[in-house]
Amino acid sequence: MNSQQPKISVVIPCKNESSYIAETLAQFEPLMEKYNLEIIVSDANSADGTDGIVSAFSDKFPGRVVLAQKPGKQNIAIGRNYGAQQATGDILFHTDADVKIPDPDRFFPDVLQTFENPRIVAATVPIWVYPEEARLDDKIYHVLMNAIIRLSFFVNIYLAKGECQLVRRSIFEKIGGYSEHLIAGEDCNLFYRLQREGKISYLRRLKVHHSPRRFREYGYIKLTLIYFREGLWMLLGKKSYVKEWKAIR
């Protein structure tokens, strides 16, 4: 590893993610030194042993894996911000507890190269369902979703989902991080605010995978309507419609 290589802080908010968090963290084991990574798991008082799993990784990789636990009730925006407060990296990689990177040796070099441009303040990538769980409806939906996100960059809206939000830490802190009053849509709101600070890049050659669990629970039509309602409500009232974002475990 080049000692001058910028540090990337991977920030993972979670609550009761014992089914996913071990595998998610394990993917970073061979990458921490190679790409100068630190992993911050912002745990919202899990009651299923998530904290014990993360602590085992922290003991194995001291200084590279950090368990951050903020007391009290919190939403995902608060969890993401609390994790970012513990980070020491130049680049914040906000992601979720079920996200996997299929080609890290392409992903991280491309991210580092992108942020060599001082005008870049943030970046995101296409998101797909785990290949081993993907059905035809998953593939169709994600083709459309990724196309809409990419199109948003051309019309200066800059949509981006929380599975992969790469942000220059200095700019993230400048704008105050995620808007903590938002129960849902904090991810798109962040990128909408970031576009005022500099250039945002859509790294179409890269990708991450996530679990289809929320799509399985709600179905694509219902979930799309929920996302649309939250976006419209935020646009009109600058707040979330929902009072609580239901966890799917």
Protein backbone atom coordinates (compact mmCIF):
# COMPACT_ATOMS: atom_id res chain seq x y z
CA MET A 1 0.00 0.00 0.00
CA ASN A 2 1.18 3.48 -0.83
CA SER A 3 1.55 5.38 2.46
CA GLN A 4 0.25 8.48 0.70
CA GLN A 5 -2.90 6.72 -0.52
CA PRO A 6 -6.03 8.41 0.87
CA LYS A 7 -7.89 6.49 3.54
CA ILE A 8 -11.41 5.31 2.75
CA SER A 9 -13.80 4.99 5.69
CA VAL A 10 -16.56 2.46 5.07
CA VAL A 11 -19.54 3.55 7.19
CA ILE A 12 -22.22 0.89 7.80
CA PRO A 13 -25.31 1.73 9.87
CA CYS A 14 -27.08 -1.32 11.23
CA LYS A 15 -29.60 -2.69 13.68
CA ASN A 16 -30.14 -6.40 14.22
CA GLU A 17 -28.12 -7.40 11.14
CA SER A 18 -26.57 -10.60 12.49
CA SER A 19 -27.70 -12.50 9.37
CA TYR A 20 -25.63 -10.28 7.07
CA ILE A 21 -22.96 -8.33 8.92
CA ALA A 22 -20.33 -11.09 9.26
CA GLU A 23 -20.23 -11.80 5.53
CA THR A 24 -20.30 -8.09 4.74
CA LEU A 25 -17.31 -7.40 6.98
CA ALA A 26 -15.42 -10.51 5.84
CA GLN A 27 -15.26 -9.21 2.26
CA PHE A 28 -13.04 -6.36 3.47
CA GLU A 29 -10.46 -8.54 5.26
CA PRO A 30 -8.00 -8.82 2.33
CA LEU A 31 -8.63 -5.21 1.31
CA MET A 32 -7.99 -3.16 4.45
CA GLU A 33 -4.24 -2.75 4.10
CA LYS A 34 -4.25 -2.95 0.32
CA TYR A 35 -6.59 0.02 -0.10
CA ASN A 36 -6.13 1.75 3.26
CA LEU A 37 -9.65 1.06 4.49
CA GLU A 38 -11.24 1.46 7.89
CA ILE A 39 -14.67 0.02 8.65
CA ILE A 40 -17.04 1.87 10.99
CA VAL A 41 -20.14 -0.09 12.01
CA SER A 42 -22.68 2.29 13.54
CA ASP A 43 -24.86 -0.03 15.56
CA ALA A 44 -28.26 1.21 16.78
CA ASN A 45 -28.48 -0.92 19.91
CA SER A 46 -28.90 -4.30 18.24
CA ALA A 47 -30.42 -7.07 20.32
CA ASP A 48 -29.52 -10.05 18.12
CA GLY A 49 -25.76 -10.33 18.66
CA THR A 50 -24.72 -7.98 15.86
CA ASP A 51 -22.45 -6.06 18.22
CA GLY A 52 -20.66 -9.25 19.27
CA ILE A 53 -19.96 -10.18 15.65
CA VAL A 54 -18.55 -6.72 14.94
CA SER A 55 -16.52 -6.75 18.16
CA ALA A 56 -14.86 -10.00 17.06
CA PHE A 57 -13.77 -8.33 13.81
CA SER A 58 -12.63 -5.26 15.76
CA ASP A 59 -10.46 -7.46 18.02
CA LYS A 60 -8.99 -9.16 14.96
CA PHE A 61 -8.35 -5.88 13.12
CA PRO A 62 -7.75 -3.21 15.78
CA GLY A 63 -7.78 0.28 14.34
CA ARG A 64 -9.30 -1.02 11.09
CA VAL A 65 -12.74 -2.14 12.28
CA VAL A 66 -14.61 0.06 14.76
CA LEU A 67 -17.89 -0.62 16.54
CA ALA A 68 -19.66 2.69 17.21
CA GLN A 69 -22.77 2.55 19.40
CA LYS A 70 -24.88 5.63 19.98
CA PRO A 71 -27.37 5.28 22.83
CA GLY A 72 -31.01 6.13 22.35
CA LYS A 73 -33.51 5.73 19.54
CA GLN A 74 -32.26 6.76 16.12
CA ASN A 75 -33.08 6.68 12.45
CA ILE A 76 -30.71 5.70 9.65
CA ALA A 77 -29.57 9.29 9.02
CA ILE A 78 -28.50 9.62 12.66
CA GLY A 79 -26.73 6.27 12.44
CA ARG A 80 -24.88 7.24 9.26
CA ASN A 81 -23.81 10.57 10.75
CA TYR A 82 -22.65 9.00 14.00
CA GLY A 83 -20.54 6.50 12.09
CA ALA A 84 -19.04 9.30 9.99
CA GLN A 85 -18.12 11.18 13.17
CA GLN A 86 -15.90 8.25 14.20
CA ALA A 87 -14.24 8.04 10.79
CA THR A 88 -10.74 9.32 10.02
CA GLY A 89 -10.71 8.77 6.26
CA ASP A 90 -10.54 11.32 3.47
CA ILE A 91 -13.35 9.56 1.59
CA LEU A 92 -16.53 8.29 3.26
CA PHE A 93 -18.07 5.21 1.69
CA HIS A 94 -21.61 5.08 3.07
CA THR A 95 -23.19 1.69 2.47
CA ASP A 96 -25.54 -0.85 4.08
CA ALA A 97 -25.08 -4.01 6.14
CA ASP A 98 -26.11 -6.31 3.28
CA VAL A 99 -24.01 -4.80 0.48
CA LYS A 100 -21.30 -6.76 -1.33
CA ILE A 101 -18.71 -5.52 -3.82
CA PRO A 102 -18.29 -8.14 -6.57
CA ASP A 103 -15.00 -6.77 -7.96
CA PRO A 104 -13.17 -4.82 -5.23
CA ASP A 105 -9.89 -4.73 -7.16
CA ARG A 106 -11.63 -2.67 -9.78
CA PHE A 107 -13.94 -0.79 -7.43
CA PHE A 108 -11.44 0.78 -5.05
CA PRO A 109 -8.77 1.82 -7.60
CA ASP A 110 -11.47 3.48 -9.71
CA VAL A 111 -12.88 5.28 -6.66
CA LEU A 112 -9.45 6.52 -5.62
CA GLN A 113 -8.69 7.68 -9.16
CA THR A 114 -12.03 9.51 -9.33
CA PHE A 115 -11.36 11.43 -6.12
CA GLU A 116 -7.94 12.52 -7.34
CA ASN A 117 -9.93 15.21 -9.14
CA PRO A 118 -10.38 17.93 -6.48
CA ARG A 119 -13.64 19.04 -8.12
CA ILE A 120 -15.30 15.70 -7.32
CA VAL A 121 -17.29 15.86 -4.07
CA ALA A 122 -19.23 12.59 -4.37
CA ALA A 123 -19.85 9.52 -6.49
CA THR A 124 -22.17 6.54 -6.74
CA VAL A 125 -22.42 3.33 -8.78
CA PRO A 126 -25.13 1.05 -10.22
CA ILE A 127 -26.87 -1.23 -7.72
CA TRP A 128 -27.99 -4.79 -8.42
CA VAL A 129 -29.53 -7.68 -6.46
CA TYR A 130 -27.33 -10.59 -5.35
CA PRO A 131 -26.91 -12.65 -8.55
CA GLU A 132 -27.74 -15.90 -6.76
CA GLU A 133 -31.11 -14.48 -5.64
CA ALA A 134 -31.99 -12.41 -8.70
CA ARG A 135 -35.27 -13.12 -10.47
CA LEU A 136 -36.48 -11.64 -13.73
CA ASP A 137 -38.50 -8.94 -11.94
CA ASP A 138 -35.41 -8.00 -9.89
CA LYS A 139 -33.35 -7.57 -13.04
CA ILE A 140 -36.00 -5.52 -14.85
CA TYR A 141 -36.59 -3.25 -11.88
CA HIS A 142 -32.90 -2.60 -11.30
CA VAL A 143 -32.26 -1.89 -14.97
CA LEU A 144 -34.96 0.78 -14.78
CA MET A 145 -33.84 2.08 -11.39
CA ASN A 146 -30.21 2.44 -12.46
CA ALA A 147 -31.28 4.11 -15.70
CA ILE A 148 -33.39 6.66 -13.78
CA ILE A 149 -30.53 7.37 -11.39
CA ARG A 150 -28.10 7.86 -14.26
CA LEU A 151 -30.62 10.08 -16.09
CA SER A 152 -30.98 12.22 -12.96
CA PHE A 153 -27.33 13.23 -13.33
CA PHE A 154 -28.06 14.72 -16.73
CA VAL A 155 -30.90 16.88 -15.38
CA ASN A 156 -29.03 18.01 -12.25
CA ILE A 157 -31.20 16.16 -9.73
CA TYR A 158 -28.55 13.62 -8.68
CA LEU A 159 -30.46 10.72 -7.19
CA ALA A 160 -28.42 8.16 -5.30
CA LYS A 161 -29.25 5.27 -2.98
CA GLY A 162 -27.71 4.54 0.39
CA GLU A 163 -26.20 1.25 -0.74
CA CYS A 164 -23.31 3.21 -2.26
CA GLN A 165 -22.64 6.87 -1.54
CA LEU A 166 -19.01 7.94 -1.77
CA VAL A 167 -18.41 11.41 -0.37
CA ARG A 168 -15.39 13.61 0.24
CA ARG A 169 -15.31 13.87 4.01
CA SER A 170 -14.47 17.58 4.16
CA ILE A 171 -17.54 18.41 2.05
CA PHE A 172 -19.76 15.99 3.98
CA GLU A 173 -18.84 17.80 7.18
CA LYS A 174 -19.24 21.21 5.55
CA ILE A 175 -22.90 20.58 4.69
CA GLY A 176 -23.67 18.90 8.02
CA GLY A 177 -23.96 15.33 6.79
CA TYR A 178 -27.30 13.60 6.39
CA SER A 179 -30.46 15.48 7.37
CA GLU A 180 -31.40 13.78 10.61
CA HIS A 181 -35.05 14.85 10.57
CA LEU A 182 -35.63 12.61 7.53
CA ILE A 183 -36.88 9.10 8.29
CA ALA A 184 -36.55 8.05 4.64
CA GLY A 185 -34.94 9.61 1.58
CA GLU A 186 -31.91 10.87 3.47
CA ASP A 187 -29.70 9.37 0.77
CA CYS A 188 -31.20 11.29 -2.18
CA ASN A 189 -31.43 14.43 -0.07
CA LEU A 190 -27.69 14.25 0.66
CA PHE A 191 -26.72 14.13 -3.01
CA TYR A 192 -29.18 16.91 -3.88
CA ARG A 193 -27.38 19.13 -1.37
CA LEU A 194 -23.91 17.95 -2.40
CA GLN A 195 -24.35 19.01 -6.03
CA ARG A 196 -24.15 22.63 -4.90
CA GLU A 197 -20.62 21.99 -3.60
CA GLY A 198 -18.96 20.49 -6.67
CA LYS A 199 -19.09 17.71 -9.22
CA ILE A 200 -20.77 14.34 -8.58
CA SER A 201 -19.67 11.32 -10.60
CA TYR A 202 -21.69 8.29 -11.69
CA LEU A 203 -19.23 5.41 -12.00
CA ARG A 204 -21.17 3.26 -14.44
CA ARG A 205 -18.38 0.66 -14.87
CA LEU A 206 -18.65 -0.33 -11.20
CA LYS A 207 -21.42 -1.97 -9.21
CA VAL A 208 -22.50 -3.25 -5.82
CA HIS A 209 -24.97 -5.98 -4.91
CA HIS A 210 -27.60 -5.94 -2.17
CA SER A 211 -30.26 -8.22 -0.77
CA PRO A 212 -33.74 -8.20 -2.34
CA ARG A 213 -35.35 -8.63 1.10
CA ARG A 214 -37.30 -5.34 1.05
CA PHE A 215 -38.58 -6.01 -2.46
CA ARG A 216 -39.67 -9.48 -1.37
CA GLU A 217 -41.53 -8.03 1.63
CA TYR A 218 -43.40 -5.26 -0.18
CA GLY A 219 -43.35 -6.13 -3.86
CA TYR A 220 -42.01 -3.81 -6.52
CA ILE A 221 -45.19 -1.87 -7.22
CA LYS A 222 -45.92 -1.06 -3.57
CA LEU A 223 -42.31 -0.18 -2.81
CA THR A 224 -42.07 2.08 -5.88
CA LEU A 225 -45.21 3.92 -4.75
CA ILE A 226 -43.72 4.34 -1.28
CA TYR A 227 -40.50 5.77 -2.73
CA PHE A 228 -42.50 8.10 -4.98
CA ARG A 229 -44.63 9.30 -2.07
CA GLU A 230 -41.58 9.95 0.10
CA GLY A 231 -39.85 11.85 -2.72
CA LEU A 232 -42.90 13.99 -3.41
CA TRP A 233 -43.50 14.68 0.29
CA MET A 234 -39.88 15.71 0.77
CA LEU A 235 -40.02 17.93 -2.30
CA LEU A 236 -43.15 19.69 -1.05
CA GLY A 237 -42.53 19.75 2.68
CA LYS A 238 -38.84 18.94 3.11
CA LYS A 239 -39.69 16.10 5.48
CA SER A 240 -40.62 12.42 5.43
CA TYR A 241 -44.18 11.15 5.22
CA VAL A 242 -43.45 8.02 7.25
CA LYS A 243 -42.82 8.28 10.98
CA GLU A 244 -40.73 5.11 11.06
CA TRP A 245 -38.95 3.10 8.34
CA LYS A 246 -39.74 -0.54 9.00
CA ALA A 247 -36.71 -2.80 9.26
CA ILE A 248 -36.82 -5.98 7.14
CA ARG A 249 -34.83 -8.82 8.68
